Protein backbone atom coordinates (compact mmCIF):
# COMPACT_ATOMS: atom_id res chain seq x y z
CA MET A 1 -0.08 -0.25 -0.19
CA ALA A 2 2.93 2.67 0.99
CA ALA A 3 4.56 1.38 -2.49
CA ALA A 4 1.33 2.02 -4.27
CA LYS A 5 0.76 5.70 -2.68
CA THR A 6 4.72 6.47 -3.52
CA GLU A 7 4.08 5.59 -6.80
CA MET A 8 0.67 7.89 -7.22
CA ALA A 9 2.46 10.98 -5.50
CA ALA A 10 5.51 10.29 -7.71
CA ALA A 11 2.59 10.71 -10.67
CA LYS A 12 0.98 13.27 -9.38
CA THR A 13 4.49 15.29 -8.98
CA GLU A 14 5.23 14.19 -12.63
CA LEU A 15 1.74 15.59 -13.82
CA ALA A 16 1.97 19.07 -11.95
CA SER A 17 5.65 19.32 -13.62
CA THR A 18 4.65 18.92 -16.97
CA PRO A 19 4.59 21.96 -18.93
CA SER A 20 1.20 23.45 -19.94
CA THR A 21 0.40 23.03 -23.66
CA TRP A 22 -0.11 26.99 -24.51
CA ALA A 23 2.65 28.03 -21.84
CA PRO A 24 5.47 28.90 -24.77
CA LEU A 25 2.37 31.47 -26.19
CA ARG A 26 3.31 33.63 -22.62
CA HIS A 27 6.81 34.53 -23.59
CA SER A 28 6.55 37.59 -25.93
CA ALA A 29 9.44 36.68 -28.22
CA PHE A 30 7.72 33.45 -29.02
CA ARG A 31 4.45 34.97 -29.60
CA TYR A 32 6.15 37.76 -32.12
CA LEU A 33 7.98 34.87 -34.06
CA VAL A 34 4.51 32.76 -34.51
CA ALA A 35 2.93 36.13 -35.59
CA GLY A 36 5.65 36.83 -38.23
CA ARG A 37 6.20 33.37 -39.42
CA PHE A 38 2.12 32.60 -39.69
CA THR A 39 2.04 35.61 -41.81
CA THR A 40 4.95 35.21 -44.12
CA MET A 41 3.35 31.68 -44.52
CA LEU A 42 -0.12 33.33 -45.42
CA GLY A 43 1.48 35.05 -48.19
CA ASN A 44 3.57 32.68 -49.25
CA SER A 45 0.31 30.54 -49.93
CA VAL A 46 -1.21 33.43 -51.68
CA ALA A 47 2.00 33.85 -54.03
CA PRO A 48 2.17 30.86 -56.05
CA ILE A 49 -1.78 30.82 -57.17
CA ALA A 50 -1.60 34.49 -58.13
CA LEU A 51 2.10 33.92 -59.72
CA ALA A 52 0.79 31.32 -62.08
CA PHE A 53 -1.96 32.88 -63.61
CA ALA A 54 -0.28 35.95 -63.98
CA VAL A 55 2.61 33.90 -66.00
CA LEU A 56 -0.30 31.92 -67.79
CA ASP A 57 -2.34 35.49 -68.32
CA LEU A 58 1.01 37.10 -70.08
CA THR A 59 2.34 34.23 -72.31
CA GLY A 60 -0.25 31.15 -71.74
CA SER A 61 2.96 28.93 -71.27
CA VAL A 62 3.56 26.39 -68.99
CA ARG A 63 7.33 26.23 -69.92
CA ASP A 64 7.49 30.04 -68.64
CA LEU A 65 6.08 29.32 -65.66
CA GLY A 66 8.47 26.68 -65.02
CA LEU A 67 11.19 28.76 -65.70
CA VAL A 68 9.89 31.39 -63.38
CA VAL A 69 8.86 29.02 -60.19
CA GLY A 70 12.24 27.46 -61.29
CA ALA A 71 14.23 30.46 -60.78
CA ARG A 72 13.15 30.83 -57.19
CA SER A 73 14.12 27.29 -56.33
CA LEU A 74 17.65 27.15 -57.81
CA THR A 75 18.64 30.25 -55.91
CA ASN A 76 16.85 29.40 -52.64
CA VAL A 77 18.96 26.12 -52.46
CA LEU A 78 22.30 27.71 -53.78
CA PHE A 79 22.11 29.86 -50.82
CA LEU A 80 20.77 27.81 -48.44
CA LEU A 81 24.22 27.51 -46.35
CA PHE A 82 25.30 30.65 -46.86
CA GLY A 83 22.31 31.73 -45.08
CA GLY A 84 23.04 29.50 -42.16
CA VAL A 85 26.32 31.56 -41.81
CA LEU A 86 24.51 34.39 -41.75
CA ALA A 87 22.22 33.45 -38.94
CA ASP A 88 24.94 32.26 -36.82
CA ARG A 89 27.20 35.43 -37.16
CA LEU A 90 24.10 38.36 -36.67
CA PRO A 91 21.27 38.63 -34.44
CA ARG A 92 18.68 36.06 -35.85
CA GLN A 93 15.91 38.38 -35.34
CA ALA A 94 17.52 41.14 -37.31
CA VAL A 95 17.88 38.42 -40.22
CA LEU A 96 14.68 37.90 -40.34
CA VAL A 97 13.38 41.99 -40.44
CA ALA A 98 15.86 42.45 -43.32
CA ALA A 99 15.03 39.27 -45.44
CA GLY A 100 11.08 40.03 -44.66
CA THR A 101 11.64 43.62 -46.13
CA LEU A 102 13.72 42.62 -49.12
CA ALA A 103 11.31 40.08 -49.95
CA GLY A 104 8.29 42.20 -49.59
CA ILE A 105 10.49 44.64 -52.09
CA THR A 106 10.83 42.00 -54.68
CA GLN A 107 7.35 40.82 -54.59
CA ALA A 108 5.92 44.60 -54.45
CA ALA A 109 8.02 45.02 -57.76
CA VAL A 110 6.32 41.77 -59.31
CA ALA A 111 2.94 43.40 -58.59
CA VAL A 112 3.75 46.30 -59.81
CA LEU A 113 4.64 44.80 -63.38
CA VAL A 114 1.89 42.64 -63.66
CA LEU A 115 -0.73 45.60 -62.52
CA THR A 116 0.69 48.07 -64.93
CA ASP A 117 0.85 45.39 -67.90
CA THR A 118 4.34 45.63 -68.18
CA ALA A 119 5.66 42.40 -66.88
CA THR A 120 7.91 40.43 -68.82
CA ILE A 121 9.19 36.82 -68.51
CA PRO A 122 13.26 37.75 -67.84
CA LEU A 123 12.10 40.30 -65.54
CA LEU A 124 9.57 37.91 -63.77
CA ILE A 125 12.81 35.47 -63.64
CA ALA A 126 14.74 37.91 -62.39
CA LEU A 127 12.44 38.90 -58.96
CA SER A 128 11.75 35.33 -58.25
CA ALA A 129 15.27 34.24 -58.22
CA ALA A 130 16.28 37.25 -55.76
CA ASN A 131 13.19 36.26 -53.95
CA GLY A 132 14.60 33.03 -53.27
CA MET A 133 17.99 33.84 -52.55
CA VAL A 134 16.14 36.60 -49.65
CA THR A 135 14.50 33.28 -48.47
CA ALA A 136 17.15 31.30 -48.18
CA PHE A 137 18.74 33.62 -45.43
CA ALA A 138 15.55 33.57 -43.63
CA PHE A 139 14.74 29.91 -43.17
CA PRO A 140 17.48 29.22 -40.88
CA ALA A 141 16.79 32.19 -39.06
CA ALA A 142 13.48 31.18 -38.24
CA ALA A 143 14.01 27.84 -37.21
CA ALA A 144 17.09 28.67 -35.43
CA LEU A 145 15.39 31.59 -33.26
CA VAL A 146 13.01 29.16 -31.66
CA PRO A 147 15.45 27.61 -28.58
CA GLN A 148 16.04 31.26 -27.88
CA THR A 149 12.67 32.55 -27.43
CA VAL A 150 11.38 29.80 -24.72
CA PRO A 151 13.03 27.39 -22.01
CA VAL A 152 14.07 24.22 -23.13
CA GLU A 153 11.27 22.08 -21.42
CA LEU A 154 8.63 23.76 -23.61
CA LEU A 155 10.74 23.58 -27.09
CA GLN A 156 8.12 20.80 -28.11
CA SER A 157 5.16 22.43 -27.21
CA ALA A 158 6.60 25.71 -28.76
CA ASN A 159 7.09 23.88 -32.08
CA ALA A 160 3.76 22.23 -32.53
CA LEU A 161 2.37 25.61 -31.96
CA ASN A 162 4.51 27.02 -34.54
CA ARG A 163 3.81 24.33 -36.89
CA LEU A 164 0.43 24.75 -36.18
CA GLY A 165 0.02 28.25 -36.84
CA ILE A 166 2.30 27.55 -40.61
CA ASN A 167 -0.37 24.92 -41.65
CA ALA A 168 -3.33 27.11 -40.48
CA ALA A 169 -1.90 29.78 -42.78
CA MET A 170 -0.94 27.77 -45.64
CA ILE A 171 -4.95 26.53 -45.58
CA GLY A 172 -6.08 30.27 -45.22
CA GLY A 173 -3.64 31.56 -47.80
CA ALA A 174 -4.48 29.02 -50.53
CA SER A 175 -8.26 30.20 -50.15
CA LEU A 176 -7.64 33.87 -49.85
CA GLY A 177 -5.05 33.49 -53.26
CA GLY A 178 -8.00 31.88 -55.32
CA ILE A 179 -10.57 34.16 -53.94
CA LEU A 180 -8.10 37.17 -54.78
CA VAL A 181 -7.06 35.97 -58.44
CA ALA A 182 -10.93 35.35 -59.39
CA ALA A 183 -12.25 38.71 -57.82
CA VAL A 184 -9.94 41.28 -57.96
CA GLY A 185 -6.73 39.42 -60.44
CA PRO A 186 -3.06 38.03 -59.93
CA GLY A 187 -1.60 41.47 -59.49
CA TRP A 188 -3.31 41.96 -56.22
CA GLY A 189 -2.86 38.82 -54.60
CA LEU A 190 1.02 39.54 -55.51
CA ALA A 191 0.27 42.80 -53.57
CA VAL A 192 -1.07 41.28 -50.69
CA ASP A 193 2.12 38.73 -50.49
CA ALA A 194 4.42 42.02 -50.22
CA ALA A 195 2.46 43.31 -47.69
CA THR A 196 2.30 40.38 -45.54
CA PHE A 197 6.36 40.28 -45.46
CA GLY A 198 6.19 43.90 -44.43
CA LEU A 199 3.79 42.76 -41.67
CA ALA A 200 5.83 40.17 -41.22
CA ALA A 201 9.39 42.12 -40.80
CA LEU A 202 7.51 44.77 -38.28
CA ALA A 203 6.37 41.25 -35.99
CA PHE A 204 10.21 39.95 -36.14
CA THR A 205 11.30 43.47 -34.97
CA ARG A 206 9.52 42.80 -31.72
CA VAL A 207 11.22 39.48 -31.17
CA ARG A 208 13.39 40.50 -28.13
CA VAL A 209 16.10 37.77 -27.06
CA THR A 210 19.28 37.58 -25.70
CA ALA A 211 21.75 36.94 -28.51
CA LEU A 212 23.67 33.59 -28.83
CA ARG A 213 26.75 33.32 -31.41
CA ASP A 214 29.52 31.52 -31.64
CA ARG A 215 32.13 34.07 -30.58
CA LEU A 216 34.79 32.67 -33.09
CA VAL A 217 32.37 33.19 -36.05
CA ALA A 218 33.13 37.02 -36.48
CA LYS A 219 36.70 36.07 -36.93
CA ALA A 220 36.51 33.19 -39.00
CA GLY A 221 36.26 33.21 -43.07
CA THR A 222 32.77 32.24 -44.34
CA TRP A 223 34.38 28.63 -45.33
CA THR A 224 35.51 28.08 -42.10
CA GLN A 225 32.43 28.38 -40.77
CA LEU A 226 30.73 26.23 -43.03
CA ARG A 227 33.21 23.77 -42.07
CA GLN A 228 32.35 24.09 -38.37
CA GLY A 229 28.77 23.46 -39.27
CA TRP A 230 29.67 20.65 -41.14
CA SER A 231 31.12 19.11 -38.49
CA GLU A 232 28.45 19.54 -36.12
CA PHE A 233 26.09 17.94 -39.00
CA SER A 234 28.35 15.04 -39.43
CA SER A 235 29.35 14.35 -36.41
CA ARG A 236 25.97 12.78 -35.23
CA SER A 237 24.58 9.90 -36.79
CA TRP A 238 21.41 10.42 -35.87
CA LEU A 239 21.16 13.83 -37.63
CA TRP A 240 22.44 12.72 -41.44
CA SER A 241 20.64 9.67 -41.10
CA VAL A 242 17.43 11.29 -41.07
CA VAL A 243 18.45 13.74 -43.42
CA LEU A 244 19.82 10.69 -45.94
CA GLY A 245 16.23 9.27 -45.45
CA PHE A 246 14.20 12.48 -46.16
CA MET A 247 16.40 12.81 -49.18
CA LEU A 248 14.83 9.84 -50.39
CA ILE A 249 11.31 10.43 -49.30
CA ASN A 250 10.55 14.37 -50.10
CA ALA A 251 11.90 12.87 -53.72
CA ALA A 252 9.32 10.15 -53.42
CA LEU A 253 6.77 12.25 -52.08
CA THR A 254 6.98 15.59 -54.48
CA SER A 255 7.05 13.46 -57.70
CA GLY A 256 4.39 10.56 -56.47
CA VAL A 257 1.56 13.06 -55.17
CA ASN A 258 2.47 16.20 -56.63
CA VAL A 259 3.28 15.20 -60.26
CA LEU A 260 1.75 11.90 -60.62
CA GLY A 261 -1.35 12.35 -58.27
CA PRO A 262 -3.01 15.55 -60.43
CA ALA A 263 -2.89 13.08 -63.40
CA VAL A 264 -4.29 10.11 -61.63
CA ALA A 265 -6.90 12.14 -60.34
CA ASP A 266 -7.55 13.42 -64.11
CA ASP A 267 -8.20 10.29 -64.92
CA THR A 268 -10.31 8.93 -62.11
CA ILE A 269 -11.82 11.01 -59.28
CA GLY A 270 -11.47 14.44 -61.00
CA ARG A 271 -9.54 17.60 -60.32
CA ARG A 272 -11.87 19.30 -57.67
CA SER A 273 -11.80 15.96 -56.04
CA TRP A 274 -8.14 16.09 -55.61
CA GLY A 275 -8.27 19.68 -54.25
CA ILE A 276 -10.77 18.42 -51.57
CA VAL A 277 -8.21 15.24 -50.91
CA LEU A 278 -5.14 17.85 -50.64
CA ALA A 279 -7.16 20.05 -48.31
CA VAL A 280 -7.84 17.05 -46.10
CA GLN A 281 -4.43 16.24 -45.83
CA THR A 282 -3.88 19.58 -44.88
CA THR A 283 -6.15 19.65 -41.88
CA GLY A 284 -4.66 16.22 -40.98
CA MET A 285 -1.42 18.61 -40.56
CA VAL A 286 -3.44 20.65 -38.00
CA VAL A 287 -4.68 18.05 -36.56
CA GLY A 288 -1.42 16.16 -36.23
CA ALA A 289 0.22 19.78 -34.93
CA LEU A 290 -2.53 19.63 -31.65
CA VAL A 291 -1.74 16.10 -31.06
CA ALA A 292 2.14 16.80 -31.14
CA LEU A 293 1.35 19.32 -28.27
CA ARG A 294 0.22 16.60 -25.97
CA ILE A 295 2.94 13.93 -26.89
CA ARG A 296 5.75 13.05 -24.23
CA VAL A 297 7.97 10.05 -25.17
CA ARG A 298 11.47 9.86 -23.90
CA ARG A 299 12.30 8.73 -27.50
CA LEU A 300 10.63 11.32 -29.82
CA LEU A 301 12.45 11.26 -32.96
CA LEU A 302 12.13 7.90 -33.20
CA LEU A 303 8.55 7.77 -32.89
CA GLY A 304 8.22 10.99 -35.41
CA VAL A 305 10.16 8.68 -37.73
CA VAL A 306 8.03 5.61 -37.41
CA CYS A 307 4.89 7.64 -38.04
CA MET A 308 6.41 8.71 -41.85
CA LEU A 309 5.37 4.85 -42.77
CA ALA A 310 1.86 6.50 -42.98
CA GLU A 311 2.93 8.04 -45.80
CA VAL A 312 3.22 4.92 -47.76
CA PRO A 313 -0.35 4.09 -48.14
CA LEU A 314 -1.45 7.16 -49.80
CA LEU A 315 0.94 6.17 -52.59
CA VAL A 316 -0.32 2.69 -52.91
CA ALA A 317 -3.66 4.14 -52.70
CA LEU A 318 -2.82 6.34 -55.48
CA ALA A 319 -1.55 3.33 -57.34
CA TRP A 320 -4.27 0.61 -56.74
CA THR A 321 -7.66 2.29 -55.04
CA PRO A 322 -7.84 5.97 -56.62
CA HIS A 323 -11.40 6.21 -54.83
CA LEU A 324 -12.13 9.49 -53.02
CA VAL A 325 -13.28 8.14 -49.82
CA VAL A 326 -9.73 5.82 -49.94
CA LEU A 327 -7.84 8.64 -50.73
CA LEU A 328 -9.21 11.04 -48.50
CA VAL A 329 -8.62 8.80 -44.99
CA ALA A 330 -4.85 8.04 -46.34
CA GLY A 331 -4.50 12.09 -46.96
CA PHE A 332 -5.54 12.72 -43.35
CA LEU A 333 -3.53 10.39 -41.72
CA ALA A 334 -0.34 11.47 -44.23
CA GLY A 335 -1.10 14.79 -42.63
CA LEU A 336 -1.52 13.73 -39.53
CA ALA A 337 1.57 11.89 -39.14
CA VAL A 338 3.91 14.12 -40.88
CA GLU A 339 3.70 16.38 -38.47
CA GLN A 340 4.51 14.12 -35.48
CA PHE A 341 7.76 13.41 -37.28
CA GLY A 342 7.93 17.71 -38.00
CA VAL A 343 7.43 18.39 -34.03
CA ALA A 344 10.16 15.95 -33.17
CA TRP A 345 12.95 16.80 -36.00
CA GLU A 346 13.22 20.18 -34.66
CA THR A 347 12.57 19.87 -31.12
CA SER A 348 15.34 17.16 -31.18
CA MET A 349 18.03 19.35 -33.34
CA GLN A 350 17.41 22.57 -31.21
CA GLN A 351 17.84 20.50 -28.06
CA HIS A 352 20.83 18.84 -29.09
CA ILE A 353 22.87 20.97 -31.35
CA PRO A 354 24.73 24.24 -30.05
CA ALA A 355 22.60 27.05 -30.39
CA ASP A 356 25.28 29.45 -31.53
CA ARG A 357 25.85 26.80 -34.60
CA LEU A 358 21.99 25.60 -35.08
CA ALA A 359 21.54 28.00 -38.36
CA ARG A 360 24.58 26.76 -40.04
CA VAL A 361 22.94 23.07 -39.05
CA TYR A 362 19.46 23.42 -40.36
CA SER A 363 21.13 24.98 -43.63
CA TYR A 364 22.68 21.41 -44.31
CA ASP A 365 19.67 19.59 -43.23
CA ALA A 366 17.57 21.85 -46.05
CA LEU A 367 20.52 21.07 -48.53
CA GLY A 368 20.33 17.64 -48.13
CA SER A 369 16.46 17.32 -47.60
CA PHE A 370 15.78 19.44 -50.71
CA LEU A 371 18.67 18.47 -53.01
CA ALA A 372 16.96 15.30 -54.86
CA ILE A 373 13.26 16.83 -55.19
CA PRO A 374 14.01 18.34 -58.62
CA ILE A 375 15.42 15.45 -59.40
CA GLY A 376 12.36 13.30 -58.82
CA GLN A 377 10.15 15.47 -60.49
CA ILE A 378 12.14 15.64 -63.30
CA ALA A 379 12.67 11.72 -63.79
CA VAL A 380 9.32 10.65 -62.66
CA GLY A 381 7.45 11.44 -65.94
CA PRO A 382 9.93 9.55 -68.10
CA VAL A 383 9.63 6.65 -65.75
CA ALA A 384 6.01 6.45 -65.83
CA LEU A 385 5.80 6.39 -69.56
CA ALA A 386 8.26 3.45 -69.11
CA ILE A 387 6.74 1.17 -66.57
CA GLY A 388 3.09 2.81 -66.00
CA THR A 389 1.59 5.47 -63.52
CA GLY A 390 0.75 2.67 -61.17
CA PRO A 391 4.12 1.04 -60.62
CA THR A 392 5.67 4.01 -60.48
CA LEU A 393 3.74 5.39 -57.50
CA LEU A 394 4.48 1.82 -55.99
CA ALA A 395 8.14 2.37 -56.19
CA ALA A 396 7.56 5.43 -54.80
CA ALA A 397 5.83 3.80 -51.84
CA GLY A 398 8.80 1.57 -51.75
CA LEU A 399 11.55 4.36 -51.75
CA VAL A 400 9.71 5.72 -48.45
CA LEU A 401 9.52 2.12 -46.96
CA LEU A 402 13.07 1.74 -47.10
CA ALA A 403 14.14 5.32 -46.12
CA VAL A 404 11.95 4.51 -42.82
CA LEU A 405 13.70 1.35 -42.47
CA GLY A 406 17.24 2.88 -42.96
CA MET A 407 16.21 5.76 -40.52
CA VAL A 408 14.97 3.32 -38.09
CA ALA A 409 18.02 0.75 -38.59
CA SER A 410 19.98 3.67 -37.26
CA PRO A 411 21.54 3.26 -33.71
CA GLY A 412 21.83 6.95 -33.45
CA VAL A 413 18.30 7.03 -34.22
CA ARG A 414 16.87 4.80 -32.08
CA ARG A 415 18.97 6.03 -29.17
CA LEU A 416 18.53 9.38 -28.93
CA THR A 417 16.64 10.78 -26.28
CA ASN A 418 14.05 13.56 -24.93
CA PRO A 419 15.19 15.58 -23.62
CA PRO A 420 19.24 15.43 -23.87
CA THR A 421 21.12 13.95 -21.06
CA GLY A 422 23.46 16.63 -20.83
CA ALA A 423 23.46 20.34 -20.42
CA ALA A 424 20.56 22.27 -22.65
CA ALA A 425 21.61 22.92 -26.20
CA HIS A 426 20.41 26.78 -25.41
CA THR A 427 19.97 28.93 -22.70
CA PRO A 428 16.32 29.79 -21.47
CA THR A 429 15.09 33.29 -21.65
CA ASP A 430 12.96 34.77 -19.27
CA PRO A 431 9.05 35.40 -20.53
CA GLU A 432 10.15 39.43 -21.19
CA PRO A 433 13.86 38.92 -21.96
CA ALA A 434 15.67 42.14 -21.41
CA THR A 435 18.86 41.83 -23.53
CA VAL A 436 18.72 42.79 -27.07
CA ARG A 437 21.60 42.65 -29.17
């Protein structure tokens, strides 16, 4: 009986010490960071719809649209590593303010060109490339700034809330983009996107945190800083194992779902139903973020990696049973599962990577994870023509399965615990930090 009472008391103590789900929102720096990222993602979800119709109205050429969009993707990938260096060298909130301001200027220029009927494809390509370069500097800074805004014990909840806001913005932005393009034209949609960048920059100016910078960064050259980031990245088997796995997973999913998915939908459930499937998948991501707020496990990364197996049924359903109900269920589960990984991944990185080198590690993560996406998108068409759409989708599902099994086979992934056994990877801040650098 005494043992039972002791166990119950311990359980109550543990429950009482568990941080509130919404506790990160008590920290003003985190609130402004989430507001800025929400606003940015809202505009980023409007922009692709508006830009696509702007280019199609201009020339009617899908090839031209591919050039404009591709220019942005190319510069984004090329400058990711340098974005990480800059975000570790300078105050990250300052990097976000500058990036938001410059991104707003580039999008405003595109909006003016479209609204005044003076846009040309070369001008749009140049401005898209500039926008891609600017956003490459923003991503590592935004991701690495989260652990500076909340104490370490709130990181998982903070990441879940952050992703919840981003997913909600994606849903609202896509709807807003369609409404704006239909009601007032693509130029005004691009103008709204430019305005959201400006609003986000204002929010980022309110993110006041204590600077956590590598004291050697200012004295070292860019290549030395990149080598330091690579050393942090390559010395952790769990880190590079997951990045290699997601190099394959992202290539399989973007080619299978984003390229072959619409083609399958055209022959089966129709375009409108496919749009519903994608909307339900995004809804699953929102629900997934809410679920991730409540999950507390020791091996958080392992749980997130295993959850990625839920992406396999969606690809298999597209190949074998492309019926609306089946795809809706598979899409919802895929969205739910991917958020478990997303929260687990960001929390694990923020807890185990030194804070003053975190942005550089994030940039290596993004580069490796995104590197094979264009290869998959380009190769999937010829492969589908050669062996058929169904077998290609099954091959993509097999690739996801093999990638997940490969990540689980890594001892580093299986053994990584949450929270880390050593010292915290970052210095917690007070709810209202006073030091600004």
